[in-house]
Amino acid sequence: MSDLQPLKYFVCKPRSKSPTDKHAFASRMAMETYARVIQETDEEFAGQIMAWVEHEKELVTWMEG
């Protein structure tokens, strides 16, 4: 573990390439959690994040047919 560099930023990719895209699923879960945590201090930004996540979820549902 000592060889790992601390990350200043971590990028999420919520758009799925396929209905089984685990990285996109994990990104959406992380974004939802982040939005819930900041909800009290930045309601508008939290709402924007949640709207983005919901949009991406709808695209996955459409992909599944």
PDB file of N, CA and C in Angstrom:
ATOM      1  N   MET A   1       0.800  -1.199   0.000  1.00  0.00           N
ATOM      2  CA  MET A   1       0.000   0.000   0.000  1.00  0.00           C
ATOM      3  C   MET A   1       0.843   1.263   0.000  1.00  0.00           C
ATOM      4  N   SER A   2       2.039   1.224   0.502  1.00  0.00           N
ATOM      5  CA  SER A   2       2.857   2.425   0.589  1.00  0.00           C
ATOM      6  C   SER A   2       3.268   2.955  -0.789  1.00  0.00           C
ATOM      7  N   ASP A   3       3.165   2.135  -1.828  1.00  0.00           N
ATOM      8  CA  ASP A   3       3.517   2.584  -3.172  1.00  0.00           C
ATOM      9  C   ASP A   3       2.391   3.364  -3.850  1.00  0.00           C
ATOM     10  N   LEU A   4       1.203   3.335  -3.273  1.00  0.00           N
ATOM     11  CA  LEU A   4       0.071   4.019  -3.883  1.00  0.00           C
ATOM     12  C   LEU A   4       0.145   5.515  -3.639  1.00  0.00           C
ATOM     13  N   GLN A   5      -0.105   6.275  -4.691  1.00  0.00           N
ATOM     14  CA  GLN A   5      -0.147   7.722  -4.581  1.00  0.00           C
ATOM     15  C   GLN A   5      -1.561   8.135  -4.160  1.00  0.00           C
ATOM     16  N   PRO A   6      -1.679   9.056  -3.227  1.00  0.00           N
ATOM     17  CA  PRO A   6      -3.013   9.536  -2.870  1.00  0.00           C
ATOM     18  C   PRO A   6      -3.641  10.239  -4.071  1.00  0.00           C
ATOM     19  N   LEU A   7      -4.905  10.006  -4.271  1.00  0.00           N
ATOM     20  CA  LEU A   7      -5.622  10.637  -5.375  1.00  0.00           C
ATOM     21  C   LEU A   7      -6.267  11.930  -4.904  1.00  0.00           C
ATOM     22  N   LYS A   8      -6.104  12.974  -5.668  1.00  0.00           N
ATOM     23  CA  LYS A   8      -6.767  14.222  -5.343  1.00  0.00           C
ATOM     24  C   LYS A   8      -8.191  14.216  -5.891  1.00  0.00           C
ATOM     25  N   TYR A   9      -8.365  13.570  -7.033  1.00  0.00           N
ATOM     26  CA  TYR A   9      -9.670  13.507  -7.673  1.00  0.00           C
ATOM     27  C   TYR A   9      -9.966  12.066  -8.049  1.00  0.00           C
ATOM     28  N   PHE A  10     -11.238  11.755  -8.079  1.00  0.00           N
ATOM     29  CA  PHE A  10     -11.681  10.443  -8.507  1.00  0.00           C
ATOM     30  C   PHE A  10     -12.816  10.684  -9.493  1.00  0.00           C
ATOM     31  N   VAL A  11     -12.714  10.171 -10.697  1.00  0.00           N
ATOM     32  CA  VAL A  11     -13.684  10.448 -11.743  1.00  0.00           C
ATOM     33  C   VAL A  11     -14.706   9.313 -11.842  1.00  0.00           C
ATOM     34  N   CYS A  12     -15.966   9.696 -11.885  1.00  0.00           N
ATOM     35  CA  CYS A  12     -17.040   8.722 -12.075  1.00  0.00           C
ATOM     36  C   CYS A  12     -17.517   8.787 -13.524  1.00  0.00           C
ATOM     37  N   LYS A  13     -17.937   7.647 -14.047  1.00  0.00           N
ATOM     38  CA  LYS A  13     -18.459   7.570 -15.409  1.00  0.00           C
ATOM     39  C   LYS A  13     -19.828   6.887 -15.346  1.00  0.00           C
ATOM     40  N   PRO A  14     -20.906   7.664 -15.194  1.00  0.00           N
ATOM     41  CA  PRO A  14     -22.215   7.062 -14.985  1.00  0.00           C
ATOM     42  C   PRO A  14     -22.889   6.484 -16.231  1.00  0.00           C
ATOM     43  N   ARG A  15     -22.390   6.816 -17.426  1.00  0.00           N
ATOM     44  CA  ARG A  15     -23.041   6.320 -18.635  1.00  0.00           C
ATOM     45  C   ARG A  15     -22.584   4.906 -18.948  1.00  0.00           C
ATOM     46  N   SER A  16     -23.540   3.992 -19.115  1.00  0.00           N
ATOM     47  CA  SER A  16     -23.236   2.588 -19.382  1.00  0.00           C
ATOM     48  C   SER A  16     -22.951   2.346 -20.851  1.00  0.00           C
ATOM     49  N   LYS A  17     -21.990   1.458 -21.110  1.00  0.00           N
ATOM     50  CA  LYS A  17     -21.724   1.001 -22.472  1.00  0.00           C
ATOM     51  C   LYS A  17     -22.642  -0.170 -22.802  1.00  0.00           C
ATOM     52  N   SER A  18     -23.078  -0.878 -21.766  1.00  0.00           N
ATOM     53  CA  SER A  18     -23.988  -2.009 -21.905  1.00  0.00           C
ATOM     54  C   SER A  18     -24.799  -2.108 -20.617  1.00  0.00           C
ATOM     55  N   PRO A  19     -25.884  -2.864 -20.623  1.00  0.00           N
ATOM     56  CA  PRO A  19     -26.680  -2.994 -19.405  1.00  0.00           C
ATOM     57  C   PRO A  19     -25.912  -3.619 -18.225  1.00  0.00           C
ATOM     58  N   THR A  20     -24.810  -4.281 -18.499  1.00  0.00           N
ATOM     59  CA  THR A  20     -24.043  -4.942 -17.437  1.00  0.00           C
ATOM     60  C   THR A  20     -22.743  -4.217 -17.102  1.00  0.00           C
ATOM     61  N   ASP A  21     -22.615  -2.956 -17.485  1.00  0.00           N
ATOM     62  CA  ASP A  21     -21.404  -2.163 -17.241  1.00  0.00           C
ATOM     63  C   ASP A  21     -21.261  -1.885 -15.738  1.00  0.00           C
ATOM     64  N   LYS A  22     -20.424  -2.639 -15.072  1.00  0.00           N
ATOM     65  CA  LYS A  22     -20.252  -2.535 -13.615  1.00  0.00           C
ATOM     66  C   LYS A  22     -19.599  -1.226 -13.196  1.00  0.00           C
ATOM     67  N   HIS A  23     -18.705  -0.689 -14.010  1.00  0.00           N
ATOM     68  CA  HIS A  23     -18.058   0.579 -13.665  1.00  0.00           C
ATOM     69  C   HIS A  23     -19.079   1.721 -13.665  1.00  0.00           C
ATOM     70  N   ALA A  24     -19.949   1.749 -14.643  1.00  0.00           N
ATOM     71  CA  ALA A  24     -20.980   2.782 -14.692  1.00  0.00           C
ATOM     72  C   ALA A  24     -21.952   2.615 -13.531  1.00  0.00           C
ATOM     73  N   PHE A  25     -22.322   1.389 -13.215  1.00  0.00           N
ATOM     74  CA  PHE A  25     -23.211   1.131 -12.083  1.00  0.00           C
ATOM     75  C   PHE A  25     -22.581   1.637 -10.788  1.00  0.00           C
ATOM     76  N   ALA A  26     -21.325   1.307 -10.569  1.00  0.00           N
ATOM     77  CA  ALA A  26     -20.620   1.758  -9.363  1.00  0.00           C
ATOM     78  C   ALA A  26     -20.519   3.288  -9.327  1.00  0.00           C
ATOM     79  N   SER A  27     -20.303   3.902 -10.477  1.00  0.00           N
ATOM     80  CA  SER A  27     -20.231   5.362 -10.543  1.00  0.00           C
ATOM     81  C   SER A  27     -21.559   5.991 -10.137  1.00  0.00           C
ATOM     82  N   ARG A  28     -22.656   5.439 -10.635  1.00  0.00           N
ATOM     83  CA  ARG A  28     -23.974   5.969 -10.269  1.00  0.00           C
ATOM     84  C   ARG A  28     -24.229   5.806  -8.774  1.00  0.00           C
ATOM     85  N   MET A  29     -23.837   4.687  -8.214  1.00  0.00           N
ATOM     86  CA  MET A  29     -24.011   4.459  -6.773  1.00  0.00           C
ATOM     87  C   MET A  29     -23.189   5.479  -5.972  1.00  0.00           C
ATOM     88  N   ALA A  30     -21.967   5.725  -6.405  1.00  0.00           N
ATOM     89  CA  ALA A  30     -21.108   6.693  -5.719  1.00  0.00           C
ATOM     90  C   ALA A  30     -21.693   8.106  -5.813  1.00  0.00           C
ATOM     91  N   MET A  31     -22.209   8.453  -6.973  1.00  0.00           N
ATOM     92  CA  MET A  31     -22.785   9.778  -7.158  1.00  0.00           C
ATOM     93  C   MET A  31     -24.030   9.967  -6.288  1.00  0.00           C
ATOM     94  N   GLU A  32     -24.861   8.934  -6.185  1.00  0.00           N
ATOM     95  CA  GLU A  32     -26.040   9.001  -5.328  1.00  0.00           C
ATOM     96  C   GLU A  32     -25.633   9.207  -3.869  1.00  0.00           C
ATOM     97  N   THR A  33     -24.628   8.486  -3.428  1.00  0.00           N
ATOM     98  CA  THR A  33     -24.150   8.620  -2.053  1.00  0.00           C
ATOM     99  C   THR A  33     -23.613  10.028  -1.815  1.00  0.00           C
ATOM    100  N   TYR A  34     -22.811  10.522  -2.725  1.00  0.00           N
ATOM    101  CA  TYR A  34     -22.250  11.877  -2.611  1.00  0.00           C
ATOM    102  C   TYR A  34     -23.382  12.904  -2.507  1.00  0.00           C
ATOM    103  N   ALA A  35     -24.382  12.770  -3.364  1.00  0.00           N
ATOM    104  CA  ALA A  35     -25.500  13.713  -3.359  1.00  0.00           C
ATOM    105  C   ALA A  35     -26.245  13.687  -2.025  1.00  0.00           C
ATOM    106  N   ARG A  36     -26.449  12.498  -1.476  1.00  0.00           N
ATOM    107  CA  ARG A  36     -27.132  12.408  -0.179  1.00  0.00           C
ATOM    108  C   ARG A  36     -26.314  13.085   0.923  1.00  0.00           C
ATOM    109  N   VAL A  37     -25.009  12.933   0.882  1.00  0.00           N
ATOM    110  CA  VAL A  37     -24.149  13.523   1.916  1.00  0.00           C
ATOM    111  C   VAL A  37     -24.149  15.049   1.846  1.00  0.00           C
ATOM    112  N   ILE A  38     -24.133  15.618   0.649  1.00  0.00           N
ATOM    113  CA  ILE A  38     -24.070  17.081   0.527  1.00  0.00           C
ATOM    114  C   ILE A  38     -25.450  17.738   0.496  1.00  0.00           C
ATOM    115  N   GLN A  39     -26.497  16.948   0.523  1.00  0.00           N
ATOM    116  CA  GLN A  39     -27.874  17.457   0.416  1.00  0.00           C
ATOM    117  C   GLN A  39     -28.139  18.643   1.351  1.00  0.00           C
ATOM    118  N   GLU A  40     -27.724  18.545   2.586  1.00  0.00           N
ATOM    119  CA  GLU A  40     -28.002  19.603   3.563  1.00  0.00           C
ATOM    120  C   GLU A  40     -27.248  20.895   3.284  1.00  0.00           C
ATOM    121  N   THR A  41     -26.059  20.793   2.747  1.00  0.00           N
ATOM    122  CA  THR A  41     -25.248  21.995   2.538  1.00  0.00           C
ATOM    123  C   THR A  41     -25.348  22.555   1.124  1.00  0.00           C
ATOM    124  N   ASP A  42     -25.731  21.730   0.156  1.00  0.00           N
ATOM    125  CA  ASP A  42     -25.850  22.208  -1.226  1.00  0.00           C
ATOM    126  C   ASP A  42     -26.965  21.442  -1.927  1.00  0.00           C
ATOM    127  N   GLU A  43     -28.179  21.803  -1.577  1.00  0.00           N
ATOM    128  CA  GLU A  43     -29.363  21.107  -2.082  1.00  0.00           C
ATOM    129  C   GLU A  43     -29.470  21.168  -3.612  1.00  0.00           C
ATOM    130  N   GLU A  44     -29.135  22.312  -4.187  1.00  0.00           N
ATOM    131  CA  GLU A  44     -29.247  22.463  -5.638  1.00  0.00           C
ATOM    132  C   GLU A  44     -28.281  21.528  -6.374  1.00  0.00           C
ATOM    133  N   PHE A  45     -27.026  21.509  -5.952  1.00  0.00           N
ATOM    134  CA  PHE A  45     -26.036  20.646  -6.593  1.00  0.00           C
ATOM    135  C   PHE A  45     -26.389  19.172  -6.388  1.00  0.00           C
ATOM    136  N   ALA A  46     -26.835  18.819  -5.196  1.00  0.00           N
ATOM    137  CA  ALA A  46     -27.247  17.444  -4.929  1.00  0.00           C
ATOM    138  C   ALA A  46     -28.382  17.039  -5.865  1.00  0.00           C
ATOM    139  N   GLY A  47     -29.321  17.948  -6.078  1.00  0.00           N
ATOM    140  CA  GLY A  47     -30.437  17.672  -6.983  1.00  0.00           C
ATOM    141  C   GLY A  47     -29.978  17.487  -8.418  1.00  0.00           C
ATOM    142  N   GLN A  48     -29.008  18.277  -8.840  1.00  0.00           N
ATOM    143  CA  GLN A  48     -28.477  18.146 -10.194  1.00  0.00           C
ATOM    144  C   GLN A  48     -27.791  16.796 -10.382  1.00  0.00           C
ATOM    145  N   ILE A  49     -27.041  16.377  -9.377  1.00  0.00           N
ATOM    146  CA  ILE A  49     -26.369  15.075  -9.453  1.00  0.00           C
ATOM    147  C   ILE A  49     -27.402  13.959  -9.529  1.00  0.00           C
ATOM    148  N   MET A  50     -28.408  14.021  -8.673  1.00  0.00           N
ATOM    149  CA  MET A  50     -29.430  12.971  -8.661  1.00  0.00           C
ATOM    150  C   MET A  50     -30.198  12.931  -9.993  1.00  0.00           C
ATOM    151  N   ALA A  51     -30.464  14.096 -10.563  1.00  0.00           N
ATOM    152  CA  ALA A  51     -31.148  14.138 -11.858  1.00  0.00           C
ATOM    153  C   ALA A  51     -30.282  13.482 -12.934  1.00  0.00           C
ATOM    154  N   TRP A  52     -28.992  13.729 -12.904  1.00  0.00           N
ATOM    155  CA  TRP A  52     -28.060  13.125 -13.858  1.00  0.00           C
ATOM    156  C   TRP A  52     -28.067  11.606 -13.712  1.00  0.00           C
ATOM    157  N   VAL A  53     -27.990  11.148 -12.465  1.00  0.00           N
ATOM    158  CA  VAL A  53     -27.992   9.701 -12.206  1.00  0.00           C
ATOM    159  C   VAL A  53     -29.295   9.079 -12.711  1.00  0.00           C
ATOM    160  N   GLU A  54     -30.416   9.710 -12.422  1.00  0.00           N
ATOM    161  CA  GLU A  54     -31.707   9.169 -12.864  1.00  0.00           C
ATOM    162  C   GLU A  54     -31.785   9.103 -14.386  1.00  0.00           C
ATOM    163  N   HIS A  55     -31.257  10.122 -15.052  1.00  0.00           N
ATOM    164  CA  HIS A  55     -31.231  10.120 -16.521  1.00  0.00           C
ATOM    165  C   HIS A  55     -30.422   8.928 -17.043  1.00  0.00           C
ATOM    166  N   GLU A  56     -29.270   8.687 -16.449  1.00  0.00           N
ATOM    167  CA  GLU A  56     -28.426   7.579 -16.886  1.00  0.00           C
ATOM    168  C   GLU A  56     -29.099   6.235 -16.605  1.00  0.00           C
ATOM    169  N   LYS A  57     -29.817   6.136 -15.492  1.00  0.00           N
ATOM    170  CA  LYS A  57     -30.553   4.905 -15.182  1.00  0.00           C
ATOM    171  C   LYS A  57     -31.630   4.646 -16.237  1.00  0.00           C
ATOM    172  N   GLU A  58     -32.298   5.702 -16.678  1.00  0.00           N
ATOM    173  CA  GLU A  58     -33.320   5.569 -17.718  1.00  0.00           C
ATOM    174  C   GLU A  58     -32.707   5.060 -19.019  1.00  0.00           C
ATOM    175  N   LEU A  59     -31.506   5.531 -19.357  1.00  0.00           N
ATOM    176  CA  LEU A  59     -30.837   5.063 -20.570  1.00  0.00           C
ATOM    177  C   LEU A  59     -30.509   3.573 -20.474  1.00  0.00           C
ATOM    178  N   VAL A  60     -30.099   3.117 -19.289  1.00  0.00           N
ATOM    179  CA  VAL A  60     -29.794   1.695 -19.102  1.00  0.00           C
ATOM    180  C   VAL A  60     -31.074   0.876 -19.276  1.00  0.00           C
ATOM    181  N   THR A  61     -32.178   1.357 -18.702  1.00  0.00           N
ATOM    182  CA  THR A  61     -33.456   0.655 -18.843  1.00  0.00           C
ATOM    183  C   THR A  61     -33.844   0.555 -20.308  1.00  0.00           C
ATOM    184  N   TRP A  62     -33.611   1.636 -21.059  1.00  0.00           N
ATOM    185  CA  TRP A  62     -33.912   1.630 -22.491  1.00  0.00           C
ATOM    186  C   TRP A  62     -33.032   0.621 -23.217  1.00  0.00           C
ATOM    187  N   MET A  63     -31.759   0.519 -22.830  1.00  0.00           N
ATOM    188  CA  MET A  63     -30.819  -0.417 -23.448  1.00  0.00           C
ATOM    189  C   MET A  63     -31.258  -1.868 -23.225  1.00  0.00           C
ATOM    190  N   GLU A  64     -31.843  -2.108 -22.052  1.00  0.00           N
ATOM    191  CA  GLU A  64     -32.243  -3.475 -21.723  1.00  0.00           C
ATOM    192  C   GLU A  64     -33.438  -3.917 -22.566  1.00  0.00           C
ATOM    193  N   GLY A  65     -34.136  -2.955 -23.146  1.00  0.00           N
ATOM    194  CA  GLY A  65     -35.180  -3.268 -24.081  1.00  0.00           C
ATOM    195  C   GLY A  65     -36.490  -3.445 -23.464  1.00  0.00           C
TER     196      GLY A  65
END
